[in-house]
C-alpha atoms as a PDB file:
ATOM      1  CA  MET A   1      -1.574  10.250   0.220  1.00  0.00           C
ATOM      2  CA  ASN A   2       2.117   9.638  -0.295  1.00  0.00           C
ATOM      3  CA  TRP A   3       4.503   7.024   1.080  1.00  0.00           C
ATOM      4  CA  ASP A   4       5.448   9.157   4.101  1.00  0.00           C
ATOM      5  CA  GLN A   5       1.778   9.547   4.991  1.00  0.00           C
ATOM      6  CA  LEU A   6       1.197   5.836   4.482  1.00  0.00           C
ATOM      7  CA  GLU A   7       3.988   5.086   6.919  1.00  0.00           C
ATOM      8  CA  GLY A   8       2.322   7.394   9.463  1.00  0.00           C
ATOM      9  CA  GLN A   9      -1.072   5.740   8.971  1.00  0.00           C
ATOM     10  CA  TRP A  10       0.264   2.227   8.622  1.00  0.00           C
ATOM     11  CA  LYS A  11      -2.125   0.459  10.994  1.00  0.00           C
ATOM     12  CA  GLN A  12      -5.165   1.773   9.115  1.00  0.00           C
ATOM     13  CA  SER A  13      -3.679   1.061   5.688  1.00  0.00           C
ATOM     14  CA  ALA A  14      -2.259  -2.394   6.438  1.00  0.00           C
ATOM     15  CA  GLY A  15      -5.763  -3.872   6.394  1.00  0.00           C
ATOM     16  CA  LYS A  16      -6.392  -2.516   2.909  1.00  0.00           C
ATOM     17  CA  ILE A  17      -3.099  -3.959   1.736  1.00  0.00           C
ATOM     18  CA  LYS A  18      -3.958  -7.343   3.232  1.00  0.00           C
ATOM     19  CA  GLU A  19      -7.344  -7.287   1.443  1.00  0.00           C
ATOM     20  CA  LYS A  20      -5.755  -6.519  -1.908  1.00  0.00           C
ATOM     21  CA  TRP A  21      -2.700  -8.750  -1.545  1.00  0.00           C
ATOM     22  CA  GLY A  22      -3.751 -11.733   0.538  1.00  0.00           C
ATOM     23  CA  LYS A  23      -0.453 -13.547   0.024  1.00  0.00           C
ATOM     24  CA  LEU A  24       1.324 -10.980   2.182  1.00  0.00           C
ATOM     25  CA  THR A  25       1.694 -12.268   5.728  1.00  0.00           C
ATOM     26  CA  ASP A  26       1.398 -10.332   8.961  1.00  0.00           C
ATOM     27  CA  ASP A  27       5.182 -10.608   9.238  1.00  0.00           C
ATOM     28  CA  ASP A  28       5.484  -9.109   5.745  1.00  0.00           C
ATOM     29  CA  LEU A  29       3.269  -6.203   6.770  1.00  0.00           C
ATOM     30  CA  GLU A  30       5.370  -5.695   9.891  1.00  0.00           C
ATOM     31  CA  THR A  31       8.488  -5.575   7.709  1.00  0.00           C
ATOM     32  CA  ILE A  32       6.928  -3.191   5.180  1.00  0.00           C
ATOM     33  CA  LYS A  33       5.525  -0.629   7.659  1.00  0.00           C
ATOM     34  CA  GLY A  34       4.721   1.803   4.848  1.00  0.00           C
ATOM     35  CA  LYS A  35       8.132   1.707   3.199  1.00  0.00           C
ATOM     36  CA  ARG A  36       7.841   1.567  -0.576  1.00  0.00           C
ATOM     37  CA  ASP A  37      11.022  -0.413  -1.230  1.00  0.00           C
ATOM     38  CA  GLN A  38      10.043  -3.058   1.313  1.00  0.00           C
ATOM     39  CA  PHE A  39       6.536  -3.222  -0.157  1.00  0.00           C
ATOM     40  CA  VAL A  40       7.856  -3.692  -3.696  1.00  0.00           C
ATOM     41  CA  GLY A  41      10.275  -6.370  -2.506  1.00  0.00           C
ATOM     42  CA  LYS A  42       7.561  -8.331  -0.716  1.00  0.00           C
ATOM     43  CA  LEU A  43       5.264  -8.115  -3.748  1.00  0.00           C
ATOM     44  CA  GLN A  44       8.074  -9.540  -5.874  1.00  0.00           C
ATOM     45  CA  GLU A  45       8.739 -12.313  -3.383  1.00  0.00           C
ATOM     46  CA  ARG A  46       5.154 -13.394  -2.703  1.00  0.00           C
ATOM     47  CA  TYR A  47       3.742 -12.985  -6.203  1.00  0.00           C
ATOM     48  CA  GLY A  48       6.778 -13.916  -8.293  1.00  0.00           C
ATOM     49  CA  ILE A  49       6.675 -10.745 -10.362  1.00  0.00           C
ATOM     50  CA  ALA A  50       9.460  -8.549 -11.707  1.00  0.00           C
ATOM     51  CA  LYS A  51      10.573  -5.468  -9.819  1.00  0.00           C
ATOM     52  CA  ASP A  52       9.132  -3.124 -12.463  1.00  0.00           C
ATOM     53  CA  GLU A  53       5.723  -4.813 -12.257  1.00  0.00           C
ATOM     54  CA  ALA A  54       5.754  -4.811  -8.449  1.00  0.00           C
ATOM     55  CA  SER A  55       6.712  -1.138  -8.475  1.00  0.00           C
ATOM     56  CA  LYS A  56       3.884  -0.341 -10.889  1.00  0.00           C
ATOM     57  CA  ARG A  57       1.354  -2.193  -8.720  1.00  0.00           C
ATOM     58  CA  ALA A  58       2.576  -0.455  -5.570  1.00  0.00           C
ATOM     59  CA  ASP A  59       2.205   2.950  -7.226  1.00  0.00           C
ATOM     60  CA  GLU A  60      -1.264   2.057  -8.527  1.00  0.00           C
ATOM     61  CA  PHE A  61      -2.285   1.079  -5.014  1.00  0.00           C
ATOM     62  CA  MET A  62      -0.970   4.381  -3.662  1.00  0.00           C
ATOM     63  CA  ASN A  63      -2.992   6.231  -6.311  1.00  0.00           C
ATOM     64  CA  GLU A  64      -6.106   4.310  -5.225  1.00  0.00           C
ATOM     65  CA  LEU A  65      -5.535   5.313  -1.595  1.00  0.00           C
ATOM     66  CA  ASP A  66      -4.993   8.911  -2.662  1.00  0.00           C
ATOM     67  CA  ALA A  67      -8.252   8.909  -4.636  1.00  0.00           C
ATOM     68  CA  GLU A  68     -10.110   7.477  -1.625  1.00  0.00           C
ATOM     69  CA  ASP A  69      -8.674  10.187   0.625  1.00  0.00           C
ATOM     70  CA  ARG A  70      -9.697  12.926  -1.809  1.00  0.00           C
ATOM     71  CA  ALA A  71     -13.213  11.492  -2.109  1.00  0.00           C
ATOM     72  CA  LYS A  72     -13.567  11.378   1.689  1.00  0.00           C
ATOM     73  CA  ALA A  73     -12.351  14.970   1.954  1.00  0.00           C
ATOM     74  CA  ARG A  74     -14.892  16.122  -0.640  1.00  0.00           C
ATOM     75  CA  ALA A  75     -17.703  14.248   1.099  1.00  0.00           C
ATOM     76  CA  ALA A  76     -16.797  15.824   4.439  1.00  0.00           C
ATOM     77  CA  ARG A  77     -17.148  19.363   3.112  1.00  0.00           C
ATOM     78  CA  PRO A  78     -20.430  21.099   3.885  1.00  0.00           C
END
């Protein structure tokens, strides 16, 4: 999964984001809507972390989602 795909599947992914980052509000999630820059900015704001750290965490989260998608795809194969 990449950021464009996340934006397209935002409703499904927003719940996972809320689970991982409970300080993000519903309004924050509405603002983010799958956009990486918005996501990084809200992580900085809510968690008081530097932009580089927020960016790293956002990318790690995207890698986790990508790994989940690949695992689901493998499991679905006959």
